[in-house]
Structure formats: structure tokens, C-alpha cells
All heavy atoms as atom14 arrays in JSON, in Angstrom:
{
  "sequence": "DALAAVGARTWVEQLTGQLDTTVGSGHLALTPGQAQQVALARLVLAD",
  "atom14_mask": [
    [1, 1, 1, 1, 1, 1, 1, 1, 0, 0, 0, 0, 0, 0],
    [1, 1, 1, 1, 1, 0, 0, 0, 0, 0, 0, 0, 0, 0],
    [1, 1, 1, 1, 1, 1, 1, 1, 0, 0, 0, 0, 0, 0],
    [1, 1, 1, 1, 1, 0, 0, 0, 0, 0, 0, 0, 0, 0],
    [1, 1, 1, 1, 1, 0, 0, 0, 0, 0, 0, 0, 0, 0],
    [1, 1, 1, 1, 1, 1, 1, 0, 0, 0, 0, 0, 0, 0],
    [1, 1, 1, 1, 0, 0, 0, 0, 0, 0, 0, 0, 0, 0],
    [1, 1, 1, 1, 1, 0, 0, 0, 0, 0, 0, 0, 0, 0],
    [1, 1, 1, 1, 1, 1, 1, 1, 1, 1, 1, 0, 0, 0],
    [1, 1, 1, 1, 1, 1, 1, 0, 0, 0, 0, 0, 0, 0],
    [1, 1, 1, 1, 1, 1, 1, 1, 1, 1, 1, 1, 1, 1],
    [1, 1, 1, 1, 1, 1, 1, 0, 0, 0, 0, 0, 0, 0],
    [1, 1, 1, 1, 1, 1, 1, 1, 1, 0, 0, 0, 0, 0],
    [1, 1, 1, 1, 1, 1, 1, 1, 1, 0, 0, 0, 0, 0],
    [1, 1, 1, 1, 1, 1, 1, 1, 0, 0, 0, 0, 0, 0],
    [1, 1, 1, 1, 1, 1, 1, 0, 0, 0, 0, 0, 0, 0],
    [1, 1, 1, 1, 0, 0, 0, 0, 0, 0, 0, 0, 0, 0],
    [1, 1, 1, 1, 1, 1, 1, 1, 1, 0, 0, 0, 0, 0],
    [1, 1, 1, 1, 1, 1, 1, 1, 0, 0, 0, 0, 0, 0],
    [1, 1, 1, 1, 1, 1, 1, 1, 0, 0, 0, 0, 0, 0],
    [1, 1, 1, 1, 1, 1, 1, 0, 0, 0, 0, 0, 0, 0],
    [1, 1, 1, 1, 1, 1, 1, 0, 0, 0, 0, 0, 0, 0],
    [1, 1, 1, 1, 1, 1, 1, 0, 0, 0, 0, 0, 0, 0],
    [1, 1, 1, 1, 0, 0, 0, 0, 0, 0, 0, 0, 0, 0],
    [1, 1, 1, 1, 1, 1, 0, 0, 0, 0, 0, 0, 0, 0],
    [1, 1, 1, 1, 0, 0, 0, 0, 0, 0, 0, 0, 0, 0],
    [1, 1, 1, 1, 1, 1, 1, 1, 1, 1, 0, 0, 0, 0],
    [1, 1, 1, 1, 1, 1, 1, 1, 0, 0, 0, 0, 0, 0],
    [1, 1, 1, 1, 1, 0, 0, 0, 0, 0, 0, 0, 0, 0],
    [1, 1, 1, 1, 1, 1, 1, 1, 0, 0, 0, 0, 0, 0],
    [1, 1, 1, 1, 1, 1, 1, 0, 0, 0, 0, 0, 0, 0],
    [1, 1, 1, 1, 1, 1, 1, 0, 0, 0, 0, 0, 0, 0],
    [1, 1, 1, 1, 0, 0, 0, 0, 0, 0, 0, 0, 0, 0],
    [1, 1, 1, 1, 1, 1, 1, 1, 1, 0, 0, 0, 0, 0],
    [1, 1, 1, 1, 1, 0, 0, 0, 0, 0, 0, 0, 0, 0],
    [1, 1, 1, 1, 1, 1, 1, 1, 1, 0, 0, 0, 0, 0],
    [1, 1, 1, 1, 1, 1, 1, 1, 1, 0, 0, 0, 0, 0],
    [1, 1, 1, 1, 1, 1, 1, 0, 0, 0, 0, 0, 0, 0],
    [1, 1, 1, 1, 1, 0, 0, 0, 0, 0, 0, 0, 0, 0],
    [1, 1, 1, 1, 1, 1, 1, 1, 0, 0, 0, 0, 0, 0],
    [1, 1, 1, 1, 1, 0, 0, 0, 0, 0, 0, 0, 0, 0],
    [1, 1, 1, 1, 1, 1, 1, 1, 1, 1, 1, 0, 0, 0],
    [1, 1, 1, 1, 1, 1, 1, 1, 0, 0, 0, 0, 0, 0],
    [1, 1, 1, 1, 1, 1, 1, 0, 0, 0, 0, 0, 0, 0],
    [1, 1, 1, 1, 1, 1, 1, 1, 0, 0, 0, 0, 0, 0],
    [1, 1, 1, 1, 1, 0, 0, 0, 0, 0, 0, 0, 0, 0],
    [1, 1, 1, 1, 1, 1, 1, 1, 0, 0, 0, 0, 0, 0]
  ],
  "atom14_positions": [
    [[1.17, 8.96, 6.05], [1.97, 9.99, 5.38], [2.9, 9.37, 4.33], [3.1, 9.96, 3.26], [2.78, 10.76, 6.43], [1.93, 11.66, 7.3], [0.78, 11.95, 6.89], [2.4, 12.05, 8.4], [0.0, 0.0, 0.0], [0.0, 0.0, 0.0], [0.0, 0.0, 0.0], [0.0, 0.0, 0.0], [0.0, 0.0, 0.0], [0.0, 0.0, 0.0]],
    [[3.46, 8.24, 4.66], [4.36, 7.57, 3.71], [3.58, 7.13, 2.47], [4.06, 7.24, 1.33], [5.04, 6.37, 4.35], [0.0, 0.0, 0.0], [0.0, 0.0, 0.0], [0.0, 0.0, 0.0], [0.0, 0.0, 0.0], [0.0, 0.0, 0.0], [0.0, 0.0, 0.0], [0.0, 0.0, 0.0], [0.0, 0.0, 0.0], [0.0, 0.0, 0.0]],
    [[2.37, 6.59, 2.69], [1.53, 6.18, 1.56], [1.15, 7.41, 0.71], [1.13, 7.34, -0.52], [0.28, 5.48, 2.05], [0.5, 4.08, 2.66], [-0.79, 3.58, 3.35], [0.95, 3.11, 1.59], [0.0, 0.0, 0.0], [0.0, 0.0, 0.0], [0.0, 0.0, 0.0], [0.0, 0.0, 0.0], [0.0, 0.0, 0.0], [0.0, 0.0, 0.0]],
    [[0.85, 8.51, 1.39], [0.49, 9.74, 0.67], [1.66, 10.23, -0.16], [1.48, 10.75, -1.27], [0.04, 10.81, 1.66], [0.0, 0.0, 0.0], [0.0, 0.0, 0.0], [0.0, 0.0, 0.0], [0.0, 0.0, 0.0], [0.0, 0.0, 0.0], [0.0, 0.0, 0.0], [0.0, 0.0, 0.0], [0.0, 0.0, 0.0], [0.0, 0.0, 0.0]],
    [[2.87, 10.08, 0.35], [4.05, 10.59, -0.36], [4.26, 9.84, -1.68], [4.83, 10.41, -2.62], [5.29, 10.42, 0.52], [0.0, 0.0, 0.0], [0.0, 0.0, 0.0], [0.0, 0.0, 0.0], [0.0, 0.0, 0.0], [0.0, 0.0, 0.0], [0.0, 0.0, 0.0], [0.0, 0.0, 0.0], [0.0, 0.0, 0.0], [0.0, 0.0, 0.0]],
    [[3.79, 8.6, -1.78], [3.97, 7.85, -3.01], [2.64, 7.67, -3.78], [2.54, 6.89, -4.69], [4.57, 6.44, -2.73], [5.94, 6.59, -2.11], [3.65, 5.61, -1.8], [0.0, 0.0, 0.0], [0.0, 0.0, 0.0], [0.0, 0.0, 0.0], [0.0, 0.0, 0.0], [0.0, 0.0, 0.0], [0.0, 0.0, 0.0], [0.0, 0.0, 0.0]],
    [[1.63, 8.47, -3.36], [0.35, 8.46, -4.09], [-0.49, 7.25, -3.85], [-1.34, 6.9, -4.69], [0.0, 0.0, 0.0], [0.0, 0.0, 0.0], [0.0, 0.0, 0.0], [0.0, 0.0, 0.0], [0.0, 0.0, 0.0], [0.0, 0.0, 0.0], [0.0, 0.0, 0.0], [0.0, 0.0, 0.0], [0.0, 0.0, 0.0], [0.0, 0.0, 0.0]],
    [[-0.33, 6.53, -2.73], [-1.06, 5.31, -2.46], [-2.1, 5.45, -1.36], [-2.89, 4.5, -1.15], [-0.08, 4.17, -2.1], [0.0, 0.0, 0.0], [0.0, 0.0, 0.0], [0.0, 0.0, 0.0], [0.0, 0.0, 0.0], [0.0, 0.0, 0.0], [0.0, 0.0, 0.0], [0.0, 0.0, 0.0], [0.0, 0.0, 0.0], [0.0, 0.0, 0.0]],
    [[-2.13, 6.58, -0.7], [-3.06, 6.68, 0.45], [-4.53, 6.56, 0.03], [-5.33, 5.91, 0.73], [-2.82, 8.0, 1.17], [-3.74, 8.2, 2.38], [-3.31, 9.4, 3.2], [-4.18, 9.61, 4.35], [-3.94, 10.44, 5.35], [-2.81, 11.15, 5.36], [-4.81, 10.56, 6.36], [0.0, 0.0, 0.0], [0.0, 0.0, 0.0], [0.0, 0.0, 0.0]],
    [[-4.88, 7.11, -1.1], [-6.28, 7.1, -1.53], [-6.78, 5.7, -1.71], [-7.86, 5.34, -1.16], [-6.45, 7.93, -2.85], [-6.0, 9.25, -2.63], [-7.9, 7.9, -3.3], [0.0, 0.0, 0.0], [0.0, 0.0, 0.0], [0.0, 0.0, 0.0], [0.0, 0.0, 0.0], [0.0, 0.0, 0.0], [0.0, 0.0, 0.0], [0.0, 0.0, 0.0]],
    [[-6.08, 4.85, -2.49], [-6.62, 3.52, -2.72], [-6.55, 2.64, -1.5], [-7.37, 1.73, -1.31], [-5.94, 2.88, -3.93], [-4.47, 2.57, -3.82], [-3.44, 3.31, -4.34], [-3.88, 1.43, -3.21], [-2.25, 2.71, -4.08], [-2.45, 1.55, -3.38], [-4.33, 0.32, -2.53], [-1.56, 0.6, -2.89], [-3.46, -0.63, -2.05], [-2.08, -0.5, -2.23]],
    [[-5.57, 2.88, -0.61], [-5.51, 2.11, 0.63], [-6.7, 2.43, 1.52], [-7.34, 1.54, 2.1], [-4.17, 2.37, 1.38], [-4.22, 1.75, 2.78], [-3.02, 1.79, 0.6], [0.0, 0.0, 0.0], [0.0, 0.0, 0.0], [0.0, 0.0, 0.0], [0.0, 0.0, 0.0], [0.0, 0.0, 0.0], [0.0, 0.0, 0.0], [0.0, 0.0, 0.0]],
    [[-7.07, 3.68, 1.64], [-8.19, 4.08, 2.5], [-9.52, 3.67, 1.91], [-10.54, 3.66, 2.6], [-8.13, 5.6, 2.74], [-6.96, 6.03, 3.6], [-6.98, 7.51, 3.92], [-7.68, 8.27, 3.22], [-6.29, 7.9, 4.89], [0.0, 0.0, 0.0], [0.0, 0.0, 0.0], [0.0, 0.0, 0.0], [0.0, 0.0, 0.0], [0.0, 0.0, 0.0]],
    [[-9.55, 3.33, 0.64], [-10.8, 2.82, 0.01], [-11.01, 1.36, 0.27], [-12.1, 0.83, 0.03], [-10.75, 3.08, -1.49], [-10.91, 4.56, -1.87], [-10.74, 4.83, -3.35], [-10.33, 3.92, -4.09], [-11.04, 6.05, -3.77], [0.0, 0.0, 0.0], [0.0, 0.0, 0.0], [0.0, 0.0, 0.0], [0.0, 0.0, 0.0], [0.0, 0.0, 0.0]],
    [[-9.97, 0.67, 0.76], [-10.12, -0.75, 1.11], [-10.96, -0.89, 2.37], [-10.93, -0.04, 3.27], [-8.75, -1.39, 1.3], [-7.8, -1.37, 0.1], [-6.42, -1.92, 0.52], [-8.37, -2.21, -1.05], [0.0, 0.0, 0.0], [0.0, 0.0, 0.0], [0.0, 0.0, 0.0], [0.0, 0.0, 0.0], [0.0, 0.0, 0.0], [0.0, 0.0, 0.0]],
    [[-11.68, -2.01, 2.49], [-12.54, -2.23, 3.64], [-11.77, -2.19, 4.95], [-12.18, -1.53, 5.92], [-13.23, -3.59, 3.52], [-13.99, -3.63, 2.29], [-14.19, -3.81, 4.68], [0.0, 0.0, 0.0], [0.0, 0.0, 0.0], [0.0, 0.0, 0.0], [0.0, 0.0, 0.0], [0.0, 0.0, 0.0], [0.0, 0.0, 0.0], [0.0, 0.0, 0.0]],
    [[-10.62, -2.84, 4.97], [-9.83, -2.86, 6.21], [-8.78, -1.8, 6.28], [-8.06, -1.71, 7.28], [0.0, 0.0, 0.0], [0.0, 0.0, 0.0], [0.0, 0.0, 0.0], [0.0, 0.0, 0.0], [0.0, 0.0, 0.0], [0.0, 0.0, 0.0], [0.0, 0.0, 0.0], [0.0, 0.0, 0.0], [0.0, 0.0, 0.0], [0.0, 0.0, 0.0]],
    [[-8.64, -0.99, 5.25], [-7.61, 0.03, 5.15], [-6.23, -0.59, 5.5], [-5.8, -1.52, 4.86], [-7.97, 1.21, 6.04], [-9.23, 1.93, 5.62], [-9.49, 3.23, 6.32], [-8.61, 3.79, 6.98], [-10.71, 3.74, 6.18], [0.0, 0.0, 0.0], [0.0, 0.0, 0.0], [0.0, 0.0, 0.0], [0.0, 0.0, 0.0], [0.0, 0.0, 0.0]],
    [[-5.51, -0.03, 6.48], [-4.17, -0.54, 6.82], [-4.21, -2.01, 7.31], [-3.2, -2.7, 7.26], [-3.52, 0.32, 7.88], [-3.08, 1.72, 7.44], [-2.59, 2.51, 8.63], [-2.01, 1.64, 6.37], [0.0, 0.0, 0.0], [0.0, 0.0, 0.0], [0.0, 0.0, 0.0], [0.0, 0.0, 0.0], [0.0, 0.0, 0.0], [0.0, 0.0, 0.0]],
    [[-5.38, -2.44, 7.79], [-5.49, -3.8, 8.33], [-5.92, -4.79, 7.27], [-6.22, -5.95, 7.57], [-6.49, -3.84, 9.5], [-5.96, -3.06, 10.7], [-4.75, -3.2, 10.98], [-6.74, -2.35, 11.35], [0.0, 0.0, 0.0], [0.0, 0.0, 0.0], [0.0, 0.0, 0.0], [0.0, 0.0, 0.0], [0.0, 0.0, 0.0], [0.0, 0.0, 0.0]],
    [[-5.99, -4.4, 6.03], [-6.33, -5.31, 4.92], [-5.21, -6.31, 4.7], [-4.05, -5.93, 4.56], [-6.6, -4.53, 3.63], [-7.61, -3.57, 3.85], [-6.96, -5.46, 2.5], [0.0, 0.0, 0.0], [0.0, 0.0, 0.0], [0.0, 0.0, 0.0], [0.0, 0.0, 0.0], [0.0, 0.0, 0.0], [0.0, 0.0, 0.0], [0.0, 0.0, 0.0]],
    [[-5.58, -7.59, 4.69], [-4.57, -8.65, 4.47], [-4.27, -8.78, 2.98], [-5.2, -8.9, 2.18], [-5.04, -9.99, 5.04], [-5.33, -9.82, 6.43], [-3.98, -11.06, 4.88], [0.0, 0.0, 0.0], [0.0, 0.0, 0.0], [0.0, 0.0, 0.0], [0.0, 0.0, 0.0], [0.0, 0.0, 0.0], [0.0, 0.0, 0.0], [0.0, 0.0, 0.0]],
    [[-3.02, -8.75, 2.63], [-2.61, -8.85, 1.24], [-1.58, -9.99, 1.12], [-1.19, -10.59, 2.09], [-1.98, -7.53, 0.75], [-3.0, -6.42, 0.71], [-0.79, -7.13, 1.64], [0.0, 0.0, 0.0], [0.0, 0.0, 0.0], [0.0, 0.0, 0.0], [0.0, 0.0, 0.0], [0.0, 0.0, 0.0], [0.0, 0.0, 0.0], [0.0, 0.0, 0.0]],
    [[-1.21, -10.26, -0.12], [-0.26, -11.34, -0.36], [-0.91, -12.59, -0.93], [-2.12, -12.59, -1.19], [0.0, 0.0, 0.0], [0.0, 0.0, 0.0], [0.0, 0.0, 0.0], [0.0, 0.0, 0.0], [0.0, 0.0, 0.0], [0.0, 0.0, 0.0], [0.0, 0.0, 0.0], [0.0, 0.0, 0.0], [0.0, 0.0, 0.0], [0.0, 0.0, 0.0]],
    [[-0.13, -13.61, -1.13], [-0.61, -14.84, -1.74], [-1.81, -15.41, -1.0], [-1.78, -15.59, 0.23], [0.52, -15.88, -1.76], [0.08, -17.11, -2.31], [0.0, 0.0, 0.0], [0.0, 0.0, 0.0], [0.0, 0.0, 0.0], [0.0, 0.0, 0.0], [0.0, 0.0, 0.0], [0.0, 0.0, 0.0], [0.0, 0.0, 0.0], [0.0, 0.0, 0.0]],
    [[-2.92, -15.66, -1.73], [-4.12, -16.19, -1.11], [-5.04, -15.15, -0.56], [-6.12, -15.47, -0.04], [0.0, 0.0, 0.0], [0.0, 0.0, 0.0], [0.0, 0.0, 0.0], [0.0, 0.0, 0.0], [0.0, 0.0, 0.0], [0.0, 0.0, 0.0], [0.0, 0.0, 0.0], [0.0, 0.0, 0.0], [0.0, 0.0, 0.0], [0.0, 0.0, 0.0]],
    [[-4.64, -13.89, -0.6], [-5.49, -12.79, -0.06], [-5.62, -11.73, -1.15], [-5.54, -12.04, -2.33], [-4.84, -12.26, 1.21], [-4.67, -13.27, 2.29], [-5.67, -13.69, 3.11], [-3.56, -14.03, 2.64], [-5.23, -14.62, 3.95], [-3.99, -14.84, 3.69], [0.0, 0.0, 0.0], [0.0, 0.0, 0.0], [0.0, 0.0, 0.0], [0.0, 0.0, 0.0]],
    [[-5.86, -10.49, -0.76], [-6.03, -9.44, -1.73], [-4.75, -9.3, -2.58], [-3.67, -9.14, -2.05], [-6.35, -8.13, -1.05], [-6.47, -6.89, -1.96], [-7.7, -7.05, -2.87], [-6.56, -5.61, -1.15], [0.0, 0.0, 0.0], [0.0, 0.0, 0.0], [0.0, 0.0, 0.0], [0.0, 0.0, 0.0], [0.0, 0.0, 0.0], [0.0, 0.0, 0.0]],
    [[-4.94, -9.41, -3.88], [-3.8, -9.3, -4.8], [-3.66, -7.84, -5.24], [-4.58, -7.25, -5.81], [-4.0, -10.21, -6.0], [0.0, 0.0, 0.0], [0.0, 0.0, 0.0], [0.0, 0.0, 0.0], [0.0, 0.0, 0.0], [0.0, 0.0, 0.0], [0.0, 0.0, 0.0], [0.0, 0.0, 0.0], [0.0, 0.0, 0.0], [0.0, 0.0, 0.0]],
    [[-2.49, -7.27, -4.99], [-2.21, -5.89, -5.44], [-1.69, -5.91, -6.86], [-1.03, -6.87, -7.28], [-1.15, -5.26, -4.49], [-1.51, -5.16, -3.02], [-0.4, -4.44, -2.26], [-2.84, -4.45, -2.82], [0.0, 0.0, 0.0], [0.0, 0.0, 0.0], [0.0, 0.0, 0.0], [0.0, 0.0, 0.0], [0.0, 0.0, 0.0], [0.0, 0.0, 0.0]],
    [[-1.97, -4.87, -7.58], [-1.42, -4.73, -8.92], [0.08, -4.46, -8.82], [0.57, -4.08, -7.74], [-2.09, -3.56, -9.66], [-1.73, -2.33, -9.01], [-3.61, -3.72, -9.68], [0.0, 0.0, 0.0], [0.0, 0.0, 0.0], [0.0, 0.0, 0.0], [0.0, 0.0, 0.0], [0.0, 0.0, 0.0], [0.0, 0.0, 0.0], [0.0, 0.0, 0.0]],
    [[0.85, -4.7, -9.89], [2.28, -4.4, -9.84], [2.54, -2.95, -9.42], [3.48, -2.69, -8.65], [2.76, -4.7, -11.25], [1.79, -5.72, -11.78], [0.47, -5.38, -11.16], [0.0, 0.0, 0.0], [0.0, 0.0, 0.0], [0.0, 0.0, 0.0], [0.0, 0.0, 0.0], [0.0, 0.0, 0.0], [0.0, 0.0, 0.0], [0.0, 0.0, 0.0]],
    [[1.74, -2.04, -9.9], [1.94, -0.66, -9.53], [1.69, -0.41, -8.05], [2.44, 0.31, -7.39], [0.0, 0.0, 0.0], [0.0, 0.0, 0.0], [0.0, 0.0, 0.0], [0.0, 0.0, 0.0], [0.0, 0.0, 0.0], [0.0, 0.0, 0.0], [0.0, 0.0, 0.0], [0.0, 0.0, 0.0], [0.0, 0.0, 0.0], [0.0, 0.0, 0.0]],
    [[0.62, -1.0, -7.51], [0.32, -0.82, -6.1], [1.41, -1.46, -5.25], [1.82, -0.89, -4.22], [-1.04, -1.46, -5.78], [-2.23, -0.7, -6.37], [-3.52, -1.47, -6.17], [-3.56, -2.7, -6.08], [-4.64, -0.72, -6.12], [0.0, 0.0, 0.0], [0.0, 0.0, 0.0], [0.0, 0.0, 0.0], [0.0, 0.0, 0.0], [0.0, 0.0, 0.0]],
    [[1.87, -2.63, -5.65], [2.94, -3.28, -4.89], [4.19, -2.43, -4.89], [4.9, -2.36, -3.85], [3.22, -4.67, -5.49], [0.0, 0.0, 0.0], [0.0, 0.0, 0.0], [0.0, 0.0, 0.0], [0.0, 0.0, 0.0], [0.0, 0.0, 0.0], [0.0, 0.0, 0.0], [0.0, 0.0, 0.0], [0.0, 0.0, 0.0], [0.0, 0.0, 0.0]],
    [[4.51, -1.81, -6.02], [5.69, -0.96, -6.06], [5.51, 0.27, -5.18], [6.46, 0.76, -4.56], [5.97, -0.57, -7.5], [7.32, 0.05, -7.71], [8.48, -0.93, -7.54], [8.57, -1.62, -6.54], [9.33, -1.0, -8.52], [0.0, 0.0, 0.0], [0.0, 0.0, 0.0], [0.0, 0.0, 0.0], [0.0, 0.0, 0.0], [0.0, 0.0, 0.0]],
    [[4.3, 0.8, -5.13], [4.02, 1.93, -4.25], [4.25, 1.55, -2.79], [4.79, 2.34, -2.02], [2.6, 2.43, -4.46], [2.44, 3.22, -5.78], [1.0, 3.61, -5.99], [0.08, 2.82, -5.89], [0.79, 4.88, -6.33], [0.0, 0.0, 0.0], [0.0, 0.0, 0.0], [0.0, 0.0, 0.0], [0.0, 0.0, 0.0], [0.0, 0.0, 0.0]],
    [[3.83, 0.33, -2.38], [4.06, -0.1, -1.03], [5.56, -0.23, -0.76], [6.07, 0.17, 0.3], [3.36, -1.48, -0.77], [3.77, -2.04, 0.58], [1.86, -1.32, -0.82], [0.0, 0.0, 0.0], [0.0, 0.0, 0.0], [0.0, 0.0, 0.0], [0.0, 0.0, 0.0], [0.0, 0.0, 0.0], [0.0, 0.0, 0.0], [0.0, 0.0, 0.0]],
    [[6.32, -0.74, -1.76], [7.77, -0.84, -1.59], [8.41, 0.55, -1.43], [9.32, 0.73, -0.62], [8.37, -1.56, -2.79], [0.0, 0.0, 0.0], [0.0, 0.0, 0.0], [0.0, 0.0, 0.0], [0.0, 0.0, 0.0], [0.0, 0.0, 0.0], [0.0, 0.0, 0.0], [0.0, 0.0, 0.0], [0.0, 0.0, 0.0], [0.0, 0.0, 0.0]],
    [[7.91, 1.52, -2.2], [8.48, 2.87, -2.1], [8.08, 3.54, -0.75], [8.84, 4.31, -0.21], [7.97, 3.71, -3.26], [8.53, 3.31, -4.64], [7.83, 4.11, -5.73], [10.02, 3.54, -4.71], [0.0, 0.0, 0.0], [0.0, 0.0, 0.0], [0.0, 0.0, 0.0], [0.0, 0.0, 0.0], [0.0, 0.0, 0.0], [0.0, 0.0, 0.0]],
    [[6.87, 3.18, -0.26], [6.46, 3.73, 1.04], [7.35, 3.18, 2.14], [7.65, 3.9, 3.12], [4.99, 3.36, 1.31], [0.0, 0.0, 0.0], [0.0, 0.0, 0.0], [0.0, 0.0, 0.0], [0.0, 0.0, 0.0], [0.0, 0.0, 0.0], [0.0, 0.0, 0.0], [0.0, 0.0, 0.0], [0.0, 0.0, 0.0], [0.0, 0.0, 0.0]],
    [[7.79, 1.94, 2.04], [8.77, 1.39, 2.99], [10.03, 2.25, 2.98], [10.65, 2.51, 4.02], [9.14, -0.05, 2.65], [8.05, -1.08, 2.82], [8.64, -2.45, 2.57], [7.6, -3.44, 2.36], [7.57, -4.31, 1.34], [8.55, -4.3, 0.47], [6.62, -5.17, 1.25], [0.0, 0.0, 0.0], [0.0, 0.0, 0.0], [0.0, 0.0, 0.0]],
    [[10.43, 2.65, 1.76], [11.62, 3.48, 1.63], [11.46, 4.81, 2.35], [12.36, 5.3, 3.01], [11.93, 3.69, 0.15], [13.05, 4.65, -0.21], [14.37, 4.07, 0.27], [13.07, 4.9, -1.7], [0.0, 0.0, 0.0], [0.0, 0.0, 0.0], [0.0, 0.0, 0.0], [0.0, 0.0, 0.0], [0.0, 0.0, 0.0], [0.0, 0.0, 0.0]],
    [[10.26, 5.37, 2.23], [9.95, 6.63, 2.91], [10.16, 6.48, 4.41], [10.76, 7.34, 5.07], [8.53, 7.08, 2.6], [8.17, 8.31, 3.43], [8.35, 7.36, 1.12], [0.0, 0.0, 0.0], [0.0, 0.0, 0.0], [0.0, 0.0, 0.0], [0.0, 0.0, 0.0], [0.0, 0.0, 0.0], [0.0, 0.0, 0.0], [0.0, 0.0, 0.0]],
    [[9.69, 5.38, 4.94], [9.79, 5.14, 6.39], [11.23, 4.85, 6.8], [11.65, 5.22, 7.92], [8.9, 3.96, 6.79], [7.37, 4.22, 6.63], [6.6, 2.92, 6.68], [6.9, 5.18, 7.67], [0.0, 0.0, 0.0], [0.0, 0.0, 0.0], [0.0, 0.0, 0.0], [0.0, 0.0, 0.0], [0.0, 0.0, 0.0], [0.0, 0.0, 0.0]],
    [[11.99, 4.19, 5.96], [13.4, 3.89, 6.3], [14.23, 5.17, 6.41], [15.18, 5.23, 7.15], [14.02, 2.95, 5.24], [0.0, 0.0, 0.0], [0.0, 0.0, 0.0], [0.0, 0.0, 0.0], [0.0, 0.0, 0.0], [0.0, 0.0, 0.0], [0.0, 0.0, 0.0], [0.0, 0.0, 0.0], [0.0, 0.0, 0.0], [0.0, 0.0, 0.0]],
    [[13.88, 6.15, 5.59], [14.48, 7.49, 5.66], [16.01, 7.49, 5.54], [16.72, 8.09, 6.34], [14.09, 8.14, 7.0], [14.34, 9.65, 6.97], [14.3, 10.23, 5.86], [14.57, 10.2, 8.06], [0.0, 0.0, 0.0], [0.0, 0.0, 0.0], [0.0, 0.0, 0.0], [0.0, 0.0, 0.0], [0.0, 0.0, 0.0], [0.0, 0.0, 0.0]]
  ]
}
């Protein structure tokens, strides 16, 4: 729901591992926009 609120749910669910996809240095590299969406989704959860 948090990912959907920031428009990121679609591309996350298209990943092979979805929520279990490993990201970060040495793994799947997110675009600046995707990384910012993840940061905003954290904000949604912090409430």
C-alpha cells in the first residue's frame, strides 16, 4: 500500500523477487526516481 501511494507498486511487482529483490551497491541498481519513491514509501509507513 505504501508503494502504491507513491506510484512504485507496479515496477516493484514486475521484479523477479518483488519485495524480496536485493538492491543496493553490488546488486540491483535503482534509478534516482525509484530510490526516491522508496524513500517516500518509508515516509508513508512512518506516518
